[in-house]
Amino acid sequence: MRLFHVSEESDISVFYPRIPNRPDLDATTGLVWAITETCLPNFLTPRNCPRVCYHVGVDTTEQDKRGYIASCSHVVVIESKWFETMKNTKLYLYEFAIEEFTLQDDIAGYYTSKTTQFPIAKIEVENLFQELFNRNTELRVVDNLWDIYDEIQKTSLRWSMCRMQFAQPRKI
């Protein structure tokens, strides 16, 4: 297993634990966050780009595979207004040694560490579209995310919704 932190910052040499702002986590314990390679495509977008991501899991039905997954293993859906920003964004994948990380969320692929972390490698990604393609991920571009947001939650796929506060308003 490999663990990564994705950033638009090119010069991070130390990752200090930060207090989480999620209400379901202990606000007294700082964490360093990392993502598994399986779920890495969920983060191969500009940081604040709203997105709906999904992939096949062990419990995914054949019907859901046929209905939502074409010939790839993972899908990332973004809004069309983010296409140009994504085309011009460079990302850095900071890889961590896994020993001090524990599983936080299996479906989302989140791991956390309560200790300061030093990356063991840094990978520069200049072309996010090519990187997604290399990772067998289909990028879908839509005008509005809310339909797929509502729909995908009713499937047996493994899904993740990121930065939805930046999404276009729901169409009425």
N, C-alpha and C. Protein backbone atom coordinates (compact mmCIF):
# COMPACT_ATOMS: atom_id res chain seq x y z
N MET A 1 0.84 -1.19 0.00
CA MET A 1 0.00 0.00 0.00
C MET A 1 0.89 1.25 0.00
N ARG A 2 0.42 2.26 -0.73
CA ARG A 2 1.11 3.55 -0.75
C ARG A 2 0.15 4.63 -0.28
N LEU A 3 0.69 5.62 0.45
CA LEU A 3 -0.11 6.72 0.98
C LEU A 3 0.46 8.05 0.49
N PHE A 4 -0.46 8.98 0.14
CA PHE A 4 -0.06 10.26 -0.42
C PHE A 4 -0.83 11.42 0.22
N HIS A 5 -0.22 12.56 0.16
CA HIS A 5 -0.88 13.83 0.43
C HIS A 5 -0.76 14.62 -0.87
N VAL A 6 -1.85 15.18 -1.34
CA VAL A 6 -1.86 15.93 -2.60
C VAL A 6 -1.94 17.41 -2.29
N SER A 7 -1.10 18.21 -2.97
CA SER A 7 -1.07 19.64 -2.72
C SER A 7 -0.71 20.40 -3.99
N GLU A 8 -1.13 21.66 -4.04
CA GLU A 8 -0.68 22.56 -5.09
C GLU A 8 0.62 23.24 -4.68
N GLU A 9 1.04 23.03 -3.44
CA GLU A 9 2.30 23.60 -2.93
C GLU A 9 3.46 22.67 -3.28
N SER A 10 4.52 23.25 -3.80
CA SER A 10 5.65 22.45 -4.28
C SER A 10 6.76 22.23 -3.27
N ASP A 11 6.69 22.90 -2.14
CA ASP A 11 7.86 22.92 -1.25
C ASP A 11 7.57 22.49 0.19
N ILE A 12 6.71 21.50 0.37
CA ILE A 12 6.40 21.05 1.73
C ILE A 12 7.43 20.00 2.14
N SER A 13 8.16 20.28 3.19
CA SER A 13 9.16 19.31 3.65
C SER A 13 8.75 18.61 4.93
N VAL A 14 7.78 19.21 5.66
CA VAL A 14 7.31 18.64 6.92
C VAL A 14 5.80 18.80 6.99
N PHE A 15 5.11 17.76 7.42
CA PHE A 15 3.67 17.80 7.62
C PHE A 15 3.40 17.69 9.12
N TYR A 16 2.90 18.77 9.68
CA TYR A 16 2.57 18.81 11.10
C TYR A 16 1.10 18.44 11.29
N PRO A 17 0.77 17.74 12.35
CA PRO A 17 -0.64 17.43 12.61
C PRO A 17 -1.45 18.72 12.78
N ARG A 18 -2.63 18.74 12.18
CA ARG A 18 -3.53 19.88 12.26
C ARG A 18 -4.83 19.43 12.92
N ILE A 19 -5.43 20.36 13.67
CA ILE A 19 -6.71 20.08 14.30
C ILE A 19 -7.77 19.96 13.20
N PRO A 20 -8.52 18.86 13.15
CA PRO A 20 -9.55 18.71 12.11
C PRO A 20 -10.72 19.65 12.35
N ASN A 21 -11.36 20.07 11.26
CA ASN A 21 -12.53 20.94 11.40
C ASN A 21 -13.83 20.18 11.17
N ARG A 22 -13.73 18.87 11.06
CA ARG A 22 -14.93 18.03 10.91
C ARG A 22 -15.54 17.77 12.28
N PRO A 23 -16.84 17.92 12.41
CA PRO A 23 -17.49 17.74 13.71
C PRO A 23 -17.45 16.31 14.23
N ASP A 24 -17.21 15.33 13.35
CA ASP A 24 -17.18 13.94 13.77
C ASP A 24 -15.81 13.50 14.29
N LEU A 25 -14.83 14.41 14.31
CA LEU A 25 -13.48 14.07 14.76
C LEU A 25 -13.12 14.86 16.01
N ASP A 26 -12.21 14.32 16.78
CA ASP A 26 -11.76 14.93 18.03
C ASP A 26 -11.03 16.25 17.74
N ALA A 27 -11.57 17.33 18.22
CA ALA A 27 -11.00 18.66 17.96
C ALA A 27 -9.79 18.96 18.84
N THR A 28 -9.37 17.99 19.66
CA THR A 28 -8.19 18.20 20.50
C THR A 28 -6.97 17.44 20.00
N THR A 29 -7.16 16.66 18.95
CA THR A 29 -6.06 15.84 18.43
C THR A 29 -5.74 16.21 16.99
N GLY A 30 -4.54 16.72 16.76
CA GLY A 30 -4.11 17.06 15.40
C GLY A 30 -3.82 15.82 14.59
N LEU A 31 -4.03 15.93 13.28
CA LEU A 31 -3.83 14.80 12.38
C LEU A 31 -3.11 15.23 11.11
N VAL A 32 -2.31 14.33 10.58
CA VAL A 32 -1.77 14.44 9.23
C VAL A 32 -2.60 13.48 8.39
N TRP A 33 -3.14 13.97 7.29
CA TRP A 33 -4.03 13.17 6.44
C TRP A 33 -3.27 12.63 5.23
N ALA A 34 -3.62 11.41 4.85
CA ALA A 34 -3.07 10.79 3.64
C ALA A 34 -4.18 10.00 2.95
N ILE A 35 -3.96 9.72 1.69
CA ILE A 35 -4.94 9.01 0.87
C ILE A 35 -4.28 7.80 0.23
N THR A 36 -5.02 6.72 0.10
CA THR A 36 -4.49 5.52 -0.56
C THR A 36 -4.36 5.76 -2.06
N GLU A 37 -3.55 4.95 -2.68
CA GLU A 37 -3.39 5.06 -4.12
C GLU A 37 -4.69 4.75 -4.85
N THR A 38 -5.50 3.84 -4.31
CA THR A 38 -6.78 3.51 -4.93
C THR A 38 -7.68 4.73 -5.02
N CYS A 39 -7.71 5.54 -3.98
CA CYS A 39 -8.58 6.72 -3.95
C CYS A 39 -7.88 8.00 -4.38
N LEU A 40 -6.63 7.91 -4.76
CA LEU A 40 -5.88 9.08 -5.19
C LEU A 40 -6.56 9.87 -6.31
N PRO A 41 -7.21 9.22 -7.30
CA PRO A 41 -7.87 10.01 -8.35
C PRO A 41 -8.87 11.03 -7.82
N ASN A 42 -9.45 10.79 -6.65
CA ASN A 42 -10.40 11.75 -6.06
C ASN A 42 -9.75 13.10 -5.81
N PHE A 43 -8.44 13.14 -5.73
CA PHE A 43 -7.73 14.37 -5.37
C PHE A 43 -6.85 14.91 -6.50
N LEU A 44 -6.98 14.35 -7.69
CA LEU A 44 -6.19 14.83 -8.83
C LEU A 44 -6.94 15.92 -9.59
N THR A 45 -7.37 16.91 -8.81
CA THR A 45 -8.07 18.08 -9.33
C THR A 45 -7.55 19.29 -8.56
N PRO A 46 -7.85 20.50 -9.01
CA PRO A 46 -7.52 21.67 -8.18
C PRO A 46 -8.18 21.53 -6.80
N ARG A 47 -7.54 22.03 -5.79
CA ARG A 47 -7.98 21.83 -4.41
C ARG A 47 -9.46 22.12 -4.18
N ASN A 48 -9.94 23.27 -4.60
CA ASN A 48 -11.32 23.66 -4.32
C ASN A 48 -12.31 23.26 -5.40
N CYS A 49 -11.88 22.46 -6.33
CA CYS A 49 -12.77 21.99 -7.40
C CYS A 49 -13.80 21.03 -6.81
N PRO A 50 -15.09 21.36 -6.90
CA PRO A 50 -16.09 20.42 -6.42
C PRO A 50 -16.13 19.20 -7.34
N ARG A 51 -16.34 18.03 -6.74
CA ARG A 51 -16.31 16.82 -7.54
C ARG A 51 -17.07 15.69 -6.87
N VAL A 52 -17.58 14.82 -7.71
CA VAL A 52 -18.20 13.58 -7.27
C VAL A 52 -17.34 12.47 -7.86
N CYS A 53 -16.86 11.60 -6.99
CA CYS A 53 -15.95 10.54 -7.41
C CYS A 53 -16.52 9.19 -6.99
N TYR A 54 -16.31 8.20 -7.82
CA TYR A 54 -16.77 6.86 -7.44
C TYR A 54 -15.96 5.79 -8.15
N HIS A 55 -15.93 4.62 -7.51
CA HIS A 55 -15.23 3.48 -8.08
C HIS A 55 -15.88 2.20 -7.58
N VAL A 56 -15.50 1.10 -8.20
CA VAL A 56 -16.05 -0.20 -7.87
C VAL A 56 -15.46 -0.67 -6.55
N GLY A 57 -16.31 -1.21 -5.69
CA GLY A 57 -15.88 -1.82 -4.44
C GLY A 57 -16.26 -3.29 -4.42
N VAL A 58 -15.93 -3.97 -3.35
CA VAL A 58 -16.21 -5.41 -3.25
C VAL A 58 -17.71 -5.70 -3.28
N ASP A 59 -18.54 -4.76 -2.85
CA ASP A 59 -19.99 -4.97 -2.79
C ASP A 59 -20.73 -4.35 -3.97
N THR A 60 -20.02 -3.83 -4.94
CA THR A 60 -20.66 -3.19 -6.09
C THR A 60 -21.37 -4.22 -6.95
N THR A 61 -22.61 -3.93 -7.28
CA THR A 61 -23.40 -4.85 -8.11
C THR A 61 -23.01 -4.71 -9.59
N GLU A 62 -23.30 -5.74 -10.34
CA GLU A 62 -23.06 -5.71 -11.79
C GLU A 62 -23.93 -4.63 -12.44
N GLN A 63 -25.13 -4.46 -11.94
CA GLN A 63 -26.04 -3.44 -12.48
C GLN A 63 -25.43 -2.04 -12.31
N ASP A 64 -24.86 -1.76 -11.13
CA ASP A 64 -24.25 -0.44 -10.92
C ASP A 64 -22.98 -0.28 -11.75
N LYS A 65 -22.21 -1.34 -11.92
CA LYS A 65 -21.03 -1.26 -12.79
C LYS A 65 -21.46 -0.89 -14.20
N ARG A 66 -22.45 -1.59 -14.73
CA ARG A 66 -22.91 -1.32 -16.09
C ARG A 66 -23.51 0.08 -16.23
N GLY A 67 -24.18 0.54 -15.20
CA GLY A 67 -24.86 1.83 -15.28
C GLY A 67 -23.98 3.04 -15.09
N TYR A 68 -22.85 2.87 -14.38
CA TYR A 68 -22.06 4.05 -14.00
C TYR A 68 -20.58 3.99 -14.37
N ILE A 69 -20.08 2.81 -14.66
CA ILE A 69 -18.65 2.66 -14.96
C ILE A 69 -18.53 2.10 -16.37
N ALA A 70 -17.81 2.80 -17.23
CA ALA A 70 -17.65 2.32 -18.61
C ALA A 70 -16.52 1.28 -18.65
N SER A 71 -15.38 1.65 -19.15
CA SER A 71 -14.27 0.70 -19.28
C SER A 71 -13.14 1.00 -18.30
N CYS A 72 -13.40 1.88 -17.35
CA CYS A 72 -12.37 2.26 -16.40
C CYS A 72 -12.68 1.67 -15.03
N SER A 73 -11.86 2.00 -14.05
CA SER A 73 -12.11 1.50 -12.70
C SER A 73 -12.58 2.60 -11.75
N HIS A 74 -12.50 3.85 -12.20
CA HIS A 74 -12.76 4.99 -11.32
C HIS A 74 -13.33 6.12 -12.18
N VAL A 75 -14.23 6.92 -11.61
CA VAL A 75 -14.80 8.06 -12.32
C VAL A 75 -14.70 9.29 -11.42
N VAL A 76 -14.28 10.40 -12.01
CA VAL A 76 -14.27 11.70 -11.34
C VAL A 76 -15.13 12.63 -12.19
N VAL A 77 -16.13 13.25 -11.55
CA VAL A 77 -17.04 14.15 -12.24
C VAL A 77 -16.81 15.56 -11.72
N ILE A 78 -16.54 16.49 -12.64
CA ILE A 78 -16.34 17.89 -12.26
C ILE A 78 -17.30 18.76 -13.06
N GLU A 79 -17.44 20.01 -12.62
CA GLU A 79 -18.25 20.96 -13.36
C GLU A 79 -17.44 21.58 -14.49
N SER A 80 -18.11 21.90 -15.58
CA SER A 80 -17.43 22.44 -16.76
C SER A 80 -16.67 23.73 -16.46
N LYS A 81 -17.16 24.52 -15.51
CA LYS A 81 -16.48 25.78 -15.21
C LYS A 81 -15.09 25.55 -14.61
N TRP A 82 -14.78 24.34 -14.17
CA TRP A 82 -13.47 24.03 -13.58
C TRP A 82 -12.50 23.41 -14.60
N PHE A 83 -12.96 23.17 -15.82
CA PHE A 83 -12.12 22.50 -16.81
C PHE A 83 -10.83 23.27 -17.08
N GLU A 84 -10.92 24.57 -17.36
CA GLU A 84 -9.73 25.37 -17.65
C GLU A 84 -8.79 25.45 -16.46
N THR A 85 -9.35 25.62 -15.28
CA THR A 85 -8.52 25.67 -14.07
C THR A 85 -7.77 24.36 -13.91
N MET A 86 -8.46 23.26 -14.14
CA MET A 86 -7.82 21.95 -14.02
C MET A 86 -6.70 21.80 -15.05
N LYS A 87 -6.94 22.31 -16.24
CA LYS A 87 -5.93 22.23 -17.31
C LYS A 87 -4.66 22.98 -16.93
N ASN A 88 -4.79 24.01 -16.10
CA ASN A 88 -3.66 24.86 -15.76
C ASN A 88 -3.13 24.65 -14.34
N THR A 89 -3.55 23.58 -13.70
CA THR A 89 -3.11 23.31 -12.33
C THR A 89 -2.03 22.23 -12.31
N LYS A 90 -1.03 22.48 -11.51
CA LYS A 90 0.03 21.50 -11.28
C LYS A 90 -0.12 21.01 -9.83
N LEU A 91 0.00 19.71 -9.64
CA LEU A 91 -0.10 19.13 -8.30
C LEU A 91 1.18 18.41 -7.91
N TYR A 92 1.33 18.24 -6.61
CA TYR A 92 2.48 17.52 -6.05
C TYR A 92 1.94 16.42 -5.15
N LEU A 93 2.39 15.21 -5.39
CA LEU A 93 2.00 14.06 -4.60
C LEU A 93 3.14 13.76 -3.63
N TYR A 94 2.88 13.97 -2.36
CA TYR A 94 3.87 13.68 -1.33
C TYR A 94 3.58 12.30 -0.78
N GLU A 95 4.54 11.41 -0.91
CA GLU A 95 4.35 10.04 -0.44
C GLU A 95 4.91 9.89 0.97
N PHE A 96 4.19 9.12 1.79
CA PHE A 96 4.59 8.88 3.17
C PHE A 96 4.92 7.41 3.39
N ALA A 97 5.80 7.16 4.36
CA ALA A 97 5.96 5.80 4.89
C ALA A 97 4.67 5.49 5.65
N ILE A 98 4.22 4.26 5.59
CA ILE A 98 2.88 3.94 6.12
C ILE A 98 2.85 3.57 7.60
N GLU A 99 4.00 3.35 8.22
CA GLU A 99 4.06 2.77 9.56
C GLU A 99 3.29 3.54 10.64
N GLU A 100 3.26 4.86 10.58
CA GLU A 100 2.62 5.64 11.65
C GLU A 100 1.21 6.09 11.31
N PHE A 101 0.64 5.54 10.24
CA PHE A 101 -0.71 5.90 9.83
C PHE A 101 -1.70 4.80 10.19
N THR A 102 -2.91 5.23 10.52
CA THR A 102 -3.99 4.28 10.79
C THR A 102 -5.18 4.63 9.90
N LEU A 103 -5.96 3.61 9.59
CA LEU A 103 -7.13 3.78 8.74
C LEU A 103 -8.16 4.67 9.42
N GLN A 104 -8.62 5.69 8.72
CA GLN A 104 -9.66 6.58 9.23
C GLN A 104 -10.98 6.30 8.54
N ASP A 105 -10.94 6.02 7.22
CA ASP A 105 -12.15 5.76 6.45
C ASP A 105 -11.79 4.88 5.25
N ASP A 106 -12.20 3.62 5.30
CA ASP A 106 -11.84 2.67 4.25
C ASP A 106 -12.42 3.04 2.89
N ILE A 107 -13.67 3.45 2.85
CA ILE A 107 -14.31 3.77 1.57
C ILE A 107 -13.66 4.98 0.92
N ALA A 108 -13.38 6.02 1.70
CA ALA A 108 -12.74 7.22 1.17
C ALA A 108 -11.23 7.05 1.00
N GLY A 109 -10.66 6.02 1.61
CA GLY A 109 -9.22 5.79 1.50
C GLY A 109 -8.38 6.69 2.38
N TYR A 110 -8.98 7.24 3.44
CA TYR A 110 -8.28 8.16 4.34
C TYR A 110 -7.50 7.41 5.41
N TYR A 111 -6.27 7.83 5.59
CA TYR A 111 -5.43 7.39 6.70
C TYR A 111 -4.96 8.64 7.43
N THR A 112 -4.74 8.51 8.72
CA THR A 112 -4.26 9.65 9.51
C THR A 112 -3.11 9.22 10.41
N SER A 113 -2.32 10.21 10.76
CA SER A 113 -1.23 10.03 11.72
C SER A 113 -1.30 11.17 12.72
N LYS A 114 -1.02 10.86 13.97
CA LYS A 114 -1.01 11.88 15.01
C LYS A 114 0.38 12.49 15.19
N THR A 115 1.34 12.04 14.38
CA THR A 115 2.72 12.50 14.53
C THR A 115 3.16 13.28 13.29
N THR A 116 4.13 14.14 13.47
CA THR A 116 4.72 14.89 12.37
C THR A 116 5.26 13.90 11.33
N GLN A 117 5.04 14.22 10.06
CA GLN A 117 5.46 13.32 8.98
C GLN A 117 6.39 14.04 8.01
N PHE A 118 7.35 13.28 7.51
CA PHE A 118 8.29 13.77 6.51
C PHE A 118 8.09 12.94 5.25
N PRO A 119 7.81 13.57 4.12
CA PRO A 119 7.58 12.79 2.90
C PRO A 119 8.83 12.01 2.49
N ILE A 120 8.60 10.82 1.97
CA ILE A 120 9.70 9.99 1.48
C ILE A 120 9.92 10.19 -0.02
N ALA A 121 8.95 10.83 -0.67
CA ALA A 121 9.07 11.12 -2.10
C ALA A 121 8.09 12.23 -2.47
N LYS A 122 8.39 12.91 -3.57
CA LYS A 122 7.50 13.94 -4.12
C LYS A 122 7.41 13.72 -5.62
N ILE A 123 6.18 13.64 -6.12
CA ILE A 123 5.94 13.44 -7.54
C ILE A 123 5.22 14.67 -8.07
N GLU A 124 5.76 15.27 -9.11
CA GLU A 124 5.13 16.44 -9.73
C GLU A 124 4.18 15.96 -10.83
N VAL A 125 2.97 16.48 -10.82
CA VAL A 125 1.98 16.12 -11.84
C VAL A 125 1.61 17.39 -12.59
N GLU A 126 2.08 17.50 -13.82
CA GLU A 126 1.82 18.70 -14.63
C GLU A 126 0.54 18.60 -15.44
N ASN A 127 0.15 17.39 -15.84
CA ASN A 127 -1.03 17.20 -16.66
C ASN A 127 -2.01 16.30 -15.90
N LEU A 128 -2.99 16.93 -15.25
CA LEU A 128 -3.93 16.16 -14.43
C LEU A 128 -4.77 15.22 -15.27
N PHE A 129 -5.13 15.62 -16.48
CA PHE A 129 -5.93 14.76 -17.35
C PHE A 129 -5.16 13.49 -17.70
N GLN A 130 -3.90 13.63 -18.03
CA GLN A 130 -3.07 12.47 -18.36
C GLN A 130 -2.87 11.58 -17.14
N GLU A 131 -2.69 12.19 -15.97
CA GLU A 131 -2.51 11.41 -14.75
C GLU A 131 -3.75 10.59 -14.43
N LEU A 132 -4.92 11.19 -14.60
CA LEU A 132 -6.16 10.43 -14.40
C LEU A 132 -6.26 9.28 -15.39
N PHE A 133 -5.96 9.55 -16.64
CA PHE A 133 -5.97 8.50 -17.67
C PHE A 133 -5.00 7.38 -17.30
N ASN A 134 -3.80 7.74 -16.86
CA ASN A 134 -2.80 6.74 -16.47
C ASN A 134 -3.28 5.88 -15.31
N ARG A 135 -4.17 6.41 -14.51
CA ARG A 135 -4.69 5.68 -13.35
C ARG A 135 -6.05 5.05 -13.65
N ASN A 136 -6.35 4.84 -14.92
CA ASN A 136 -7.56 4.16 -15.37
C ASN A 136 -8.82 4.84 -14.84
N THR A 137 -8.78 6.18 -14.87
CA THR A 137 -9.88 7.00 -14.35
C THR A 137 -10.50 7.80 -15.47
N GLU A 138 -11.81 7.75 -15.54
CA GLU A 138 -12.55 8.55 -16.51
C GLU A 138 -12.92 9.88 -15.87
N LEU A 139 -12.67 10.97 -16.57
CA LEU A 139 -13.09 12.29 -16.13
C LEU A 139 -14.36 12.64 -16.89
N ARG A 140 -15.40 12.96 -16.15
CA ARG A 140 -16.65 13.40 -16.75
C ARG A 140 -16.86 14.86 -16.40
N VAL A 141 -17.31 15.64 -17.37
CA VAL A 141 -17.52 17.07 -17.18
C VAL A 141 -19.00 17.36 -17.38
N VAL A 142 -19.61 17.98 -16.37
CA VAL A 142 -21.04 18.29 -16.41
C VAL A 142 -21.24 19.76 -16.05
N ASP A 143 -22.41 20.27 -16.35
CA ASP A 143 -22.71 21.67 -15.99
C ASP A 143 -23.00 21.82 -14.51
N ASN A 144 -23.60 20.79 -13.90
CA ASN A 144 -24.02 20.87 -12.51
C ASN A 144 -23.87 19.49 -11.87
N LEU A 145 -23.28 19.44 -10.68
CA LEU A 145 -22.97 18.17 -10.01
C LEU A 145 -24.13 17.56 -9.21
N TRP A 146 -25.16 18.32 -8.92
CA TRP A 146 -26.13 17.88 -7.93
C TRP A 146 -26.93 16.65 -8.34
N ASP A 147 -27.20 16.46 -9.62
CA ASP A 147 -27.93 15.25 -10.03
C ASP A 147 -27.10 14.00 -9.75
N ILE A 148 -25.84 14.00 -10.17
CA ILE A 148 -24.99 12.83 -9.93
C ILE A 148 -24.69 12.68 -8.45
N TYR A 149 -24.59 13.78 -7.73
CA TYR A 149 -24.40 13.75 -6.28
C TYR A 149 -25.53 12.97 -5.61
N ASP A 150 -26.76 13.29 -5.97
CA ASP A 150 -27.92 12.61 -5.38
C ASP A 150 -28.00 11.16 -5.85
N GLU A 151 -27.76 10.94 -7.12
CA GLU A 151 -27.93 9.62 -7.73
C GLU A 151 -26.91 8.60 -7.23
N ILE A 152 -25.64 8.98 -7.16
CA ILE A 152 -24.57 8.02 -6.88
C ILE A 152 -24.67 7.49 -5.45
N GLN A 153 -25.25 8.27 -4.55
CA GLN A 153 -25.40 7.82 -3.17
C GLN A 153 -26.39 6.67 -3.01
N LYS A 154 -27.20 6.44 -4.03
CA LYS A 154 -28.19 5.36 -3.99
C LYS A 154 -27.65 4.08 -4.63
N THR A 155 -26.37 4.07 -5.00
CA THR A 155 -25.78 2.90 -5.65
C THR A 155 -24.93 2.10 -4.66
N SER A 156 -24.40 0.99 -5.15
CA SER A 156 -23.49 0.16 -4.35
C SER A 156 -22.03 0.51 -4.62
N LEU A 157 -21.79 1.56 -5.39
CA LEU A 157 -20.43 2.00 -5.67
C LEU A 157 -19.82 2.65 -4.44
N ARG A 158 -18.50 2.70 -4.40
CA ARG A 158 -17.80 3.46 -3.36
C ARG A 158 -17.68 4.88 -3.89
N TRP A 159 -18.14 5.85 -3.12
CA TRP A 159 -18.18 7.22 -3.61
C TRP A 159 -17.63 8.20 -2.59
N SER A 160 -17.27 9.36 -3.12
CA SER A 160 -16.77 10.45 -2.30
C SER A 160 -17.16 11.75 -2.97
N MET A 161 -17.64 12.69 -2.17
CA MET A 161 -17.98 14.02 -2.66
C MET A 161 -17.05 15.01 -1.99
N CYS A 162 -16.39 15.82 -2.78
CA CYS A 162 -15.39 16.74 -2.25
C CYS A 162 -15.71 18.17 -2.64
N ARG A 163 -15.52 19.10 -1.70
CA ARG A 163 -15.63 20.54 -1.94
C ARG A 163 -16.96 20.96 -2.56
N MET A 164 -18.02 20.28 -2.17
CA MET A 164 -19.33 20.59 -2.74
C MET A 164 -19.82 21.99 -2.39
N GLN A 165 -19.23 22.61 -1.37
CA GLN A 165 -19.63 23.98 -1.04
C GLN A 165 -19.26 24.96 -2.16
N PHE A 166 -18.39 24.54 -3.08
CA PHE A 166 -17.99 25.38 -4.21
C PHE A 166 -18.74 25.03 -5.50
N ALA A 167 -19.67 24.09 -5.41
CA ALA A 167 -20.43 23.66 -6.59
C ALA A 167 -21.46 24.73 -7.00
N GLN A 168 -21.83 24.69 -8.28
CA GLN A 168 -22.92 25.53 -8.76
C GLN A 168 -24.16 25.24 -7.92
N PRO A 169 -25.05 26.21 -7.76
CA PRO A 169 -26.29 25.95 -7.02
C PRO A 169 -27.11 24.87 -7.71
N ARG A 170 -27.91 24.19 -6.92
CA ARG A 170 -28.82 23.18 -7.48
C ARG A 170 -29.75 23.85 -8.49
N LYS A 171 -30.04 23.11 -9.55
CA LYS A 171 -31.03 23.60 -10.53
C LYS A 171 -32.41 23.20 -10.02
N ILE A 172 -33.31 24.13 -10.11
CA ILE A 172 -34.67 23.86 -9.62
C ILE A 172 -35.62 23.65 -10.77
